[in-house]
Amino acid sequence: MRSSKSRSRGNKNRNTRPSGGNIINRVFDSSGPDGKVRGTPQQIIEKYNQLHRDAVLSGDRVDAENFAQHAEHYTRLLAEATREVEAKREEQEAQNRERQAERDRERQERLKAQEEAANDPANMEQPRERDEPSHLVETPEAAQEVQPKPRKPRQRKPRPPADPAPEVAE
C-alpha cells in the first residue's frame, strides 16, 4: 500500500504560505534558539519579547538580539495579516454600500413608476354612468342621450327552394 506522502507529489502549494484563512488566529510552531514556541502570532511575539528581556537581564546580547529578531518577524507577519483583513473588510463594506445603493435606486424607480401609473389619466378609472348613482338631476335631453336606440328586428331573406337533383336519362 502506498503512503499518503507519495500521493501528494503533485501538490504545488507545499512550500507556500497559506493564502486566505485567518493568520491572526492561526497557531504557528516557531523553532527559535531556545526551542519550539507554539501559539498565535500575538502569543509568539509576547513569548519572544519575554525571552528577549530575560536575555538582556542575564547579559546575553547575542540571544537577546536573536529573540528580538524572532519577535520582529512575527510582528511583521501579524501587521501584514491585520492589513489584509482590514482591506478585505473595507472592500466588503464598499460592496455592501454599492449593493444597498443599487437596491435603493431600484426601489425609488419602482415607486416613481407606480406613482406615475397612479397619476396617469389614461389609467384612471372612468366613472360609469349607469352603475354609479348620480347626485345630478336628470334632464330629458340627458335621458335621451343615455337610452339606447331600440333595435329593429332583423328580417331574414327567404331561402330559395332547393333544386331537386336532375334526373339522369338512361
Protein backbone atom coordinates (compact mmCIF):
# COMPACT_ATOMS: atom_id res chain seq x y z
CA MET A 1 0.00 0.00 0.00
CA ARG A 2 1.26 3.49 -0.84
CA SER A 3 1.77 6.11 1.79
CA SER A 4 -0.15 9.37 1.71
CA LYS A 5 3.07 11.33 1.05
CA SER A 6 3.59 9.74 -2.36
CA ARG A 7 0.11 10.81 -3.40
CA SER A 8 0.75 14.48 -2.66
CA ARG A 9 3.66 14.90 -5.06
CA GLY A 10 1.53 16.90 -7.45
CA ASN A 11 0.63 19.41 -4.77
CA LYS A 12 2.36 22.64 -5.81
CA ASN A 13 1.36 24.60 -2.72
CA ARG A 14 3.52 22.70 -0.22
CA ASN A 15 6.12 25.39 0.45
CA THR A 16 3.96 28.48 0.13
CA ARG A 17 2.28 30.49 2.82
CA PRO A 18 -1.38 29.64 3.22
CA SER A 19 -3.43 32.08 1.20
CA GLY A 20 -6.61 33.36 2.71
CA GLY A 21 -7.53 31.92 6.04
CA ASN A 22 -7.18 33.74 9.30
CA ILE A 23 -3.46 34.12 10.00
CA ILE A 24 -4.21 36.26 13.03
CA ASN A 25 -5.76 33.31 14.89
CA ARG A 26 -3.71 30.57 13.27
CA VAL A 27 -1.41 28.55 15.52
CA PHE A 28 2.25 28.54 14.46
CA ASP A 29 5.18 26.38 15.55
CA SER A 30 8.25 28.58 15.77
CA SER A 31 11.66 26.97 16.09
CA GLY A 32 13.68 29.55 17.97
CA PRO A 33 17.12 29.34 19.58
CA ASP A 34 15.55 28.33 22.88
CA GLY A 35 13.38 25.54 21.42
CA LYS A 36 9.92 25.49 19.92
CA VAL A 37 7.44 28.21 20.64
CA ARG A 38 3.83 27.44 19.76
CA GLY A 39 0.85 29.78 19.54
CA THR A 40 -0.82 32.53 17.60
CA PRO A 41 1.41 35.30 16.23
CA GLN A 42 0.48 37.56 19.15
CA GLN A 43 1.35 34.85 21.70
CA ILE A 44 4.65 34.09 19.94
CA ILE A 45 5.57 37.80 19.89
CA GLU A 46 4.89 38.08 23.62
CA LYS A 47 6.94 34.93 24.33
CA TYR A 48 9.94 36.13 22.27
CA ASN A 49 9.75 39.59 23.87
CA GLN A 50 9.81 37.93 27.30
CA LEU A 51 12.78 35.78 26.25
CA HIS A 52 14.48 38.96 24.90
CA ARG A 53 14.03 40.75 28.25
CA ASP A 54 15.35 37.72 30.13
CA ALA A 55 18.42 37.52 27.83
CA VAL A 56 19.11 41.25 28.28
CA LEU A 57 18.87 40.92 32.07
CA SER A 58 21.24 37.94 32.03
CA GLY A 59 23.70 39.89 29.86
CA ASP A 60 23.49 37.59 26.77
CA ARG A 61 23.42 40.14 23.94
CA VAL A 62 23.51 37.54 21.12
CA ASP A 63 20.48 35.64 22.40
CA ALA A 64 18.70 38.93 23.14
CA GLU A 65 19.20 40.10 19.55
CA ASN A 66 18.09 36.71 18.21
CA PHE A 67 14.89 36.77 20.27
CA ALA A 68 14.24 40.38 19.22
CA GLN A 69 14.56 39.40 15.54
CA HIS A 70 12.17 36.49 16.00
CA ALA A 71 9.67 38.79 17.72
CA GLU A 72 10.05 41.35 14.91
CA HIS A 73 9.40 38.68 12.27
CA TYR A 74 6.10 37.68 13.87
CA THR A 75 5.23 41.35 14.45
CA ARG A 76 5.58 41.97 10.70
CA LEU A 77 3.60 38.82 9.93
CA LEU A 78 0.82 39.94 12.26
CA ALA A 79 0.83 43.50 10.87
CA GLU A 80 0.57 42.25 7.29
CA ALA A 81 -2.25 39.86 8.18
CA THR A 82 -4.07 42.66 10.01
CA ARG A 83 -3.73 44.96 6.96
CA GLU A 84 -5.10 42.21 4.69
CA VAL A 85 -8.04 41.56 6.99
CA GLU A 86 -8.76 45.28 7.21
CA ALA A 87 -8.53 45.67 3.41
CA LYS A 88 -10.94 42.75 2.90
CA ARG A 89 -13.34 44.21 5.44
CA GLU A 90 -13.25 47.63 3.77
CA GLU A 91 -13.76 46.03 0.35
CA GLN A 92 -16.76 44.09 1.62
CA GLU A 93 -18.20 47.21 3.22
CA ALA A 94 -17.79 49.10 -0.07
CA GLN A 95 -19.51 46.28 -1.97
CA ASN A 96 -22.32 46.25 0.61
CA ARG A 97 -22.73 50.02 0.26
CA GLU A 98 -22.85 49.70 -3.55
CA ARG A 99 -25.43 46.90 -3.36
CA GLN A 100 -27.54 48.89 -0.91
CA ALA A 101 -27.33 51.99 -3.13
CA GLU A 102 -28.41 49.90 -6.14
CA ARG A 103 -31.35 48.47 -4.17
CA ASP A 104 -32.33 51.98 -3.06
CA ARG A 105 -32.18 53.23 -6.68
CA GLU A 106 -34.32 50.33 -7.87
CA ARG A 107 -36.81 50.92 -5.07
CA GLN A 108 -37.03 54.63 -5.95
CA GLU A 109 -37.55 53.79 -9.64
CA ARG A 110 -40.34 51.33 -8.77
CA LEU A 111 -42.04 53.84 -6.50
CA LYS A 112 -41.73 56.55 -9.15
CA ALA A 113 -43.18 54.24 -11.83
CA GLN A 114 -46.05 53.29 -9.52
CA GLU A 115 -46.69 56.95 -8.75
CA GLU A 116 -46.68 57.87 -12.43
CA ALA A 117 -49.02 54.99 -13.24
CA ALA A 118 -51.39 56.05 -10.46
CA ASN A 119 -51.40 59.67 -11.65
CA ASP A 120 -51.70 58.85 -15.37
CA PRO A 121 -55.18 59.94 -16.61
CA ALA A 122 -55.23 57.11 -19.15
CA ASN A 123 -55.03 54.57 -16.34
CA MET A 124 -57.61 56.25 -14.13
CA GLU A 125 -61.00 54.59 -13.96
CA GLN A 126 -63.72 56.49 -15.72
CA PRO A 127 -66.95 56.86 -13.78
CA ARG A 128 -69.72 54.62 -15.04
CA GLU A 129 -72.89 56.41 -15.95
CA ARG A 130 -75.38 53.66 -15.19
CA ASP A 131 -73.79 51.76 -12.32
CA GLU A 132 -72.90 54.65 -10.08
CA PRO A 133 -75.61 56.77 -8.58
CA SER A 134 -75.51 60.35 -9.68
CA HIS A 135 -76.48 63.26 -7.48
CA LEU A 136 -77.38 65.34 -10.51
CA VAL A 137 -80.91 65.93 -11.67
CA GLU A 138 -81.66 64.15 -14.91
CA THR A 139 -82.88 66.30 -17.74
CA PRO A 140 -84.94 65.00 -20.65
CA GLU A 141 -82.05 65.67 -23.03
CA ALA A 142 -79.66 63.59 -20.94
CA ALA A 143 -82.20 60.79 -20.66
CA GLN A 144 -82.49 60.66 -24.45
CA GLU A 145 -78.73 60.50 -24.90
CA VAL A 146 -78.25 57.73 -22.40
CA GLN A 147 -81.04 55.47 -23.56
CA PRO A 148 -80.04 53.13 -26.33
CA LYS A 149 -81.99 53.22 -29.54
CA PRO A 150 -84.46 50.40 -29.91
CA ARG A 151 -83.32 47.90 -32.44
CA LYS A 152 -85.47 46.75 -35.27
CA PRO A 153 -85.86 43.02 -35.55
CA ARG A 154 -83.78 41.66 -38.34
CA GLN A 155 -85.63 40.27 -41.24
CA ARG A 156 -84.19 37.27 -42.87
CA LYS A 157 -84.21 36.72 -46.53
CA PRO A 158 -86.15 33.63 -47.54
CA ARG A 159 -84.02 30.88 -48.90
CA PRO A 160 -84.63 29.78 -52.43
CA PRO A 161 -86.16 26.31 -52.66
CA ALA A 162 -83.62 23.58 -53.07
CA ASP A 163 -83.37 22.26 -56.64
CA PRO A 164 -84.29 18.62 -56.87
CA ALA A 165 -81.50 16.54 -58.31
CA PRO A 166 -81.77 16.39 -62.09
CA GLU A 167 -82.88 13.07 -63.36
CA VAL A 168 -80.43 11.24 -65.48
CA ALA A 169 -81.80 9.69 -68.67
CA GLU A 170 -80.98 6.13 -69.08
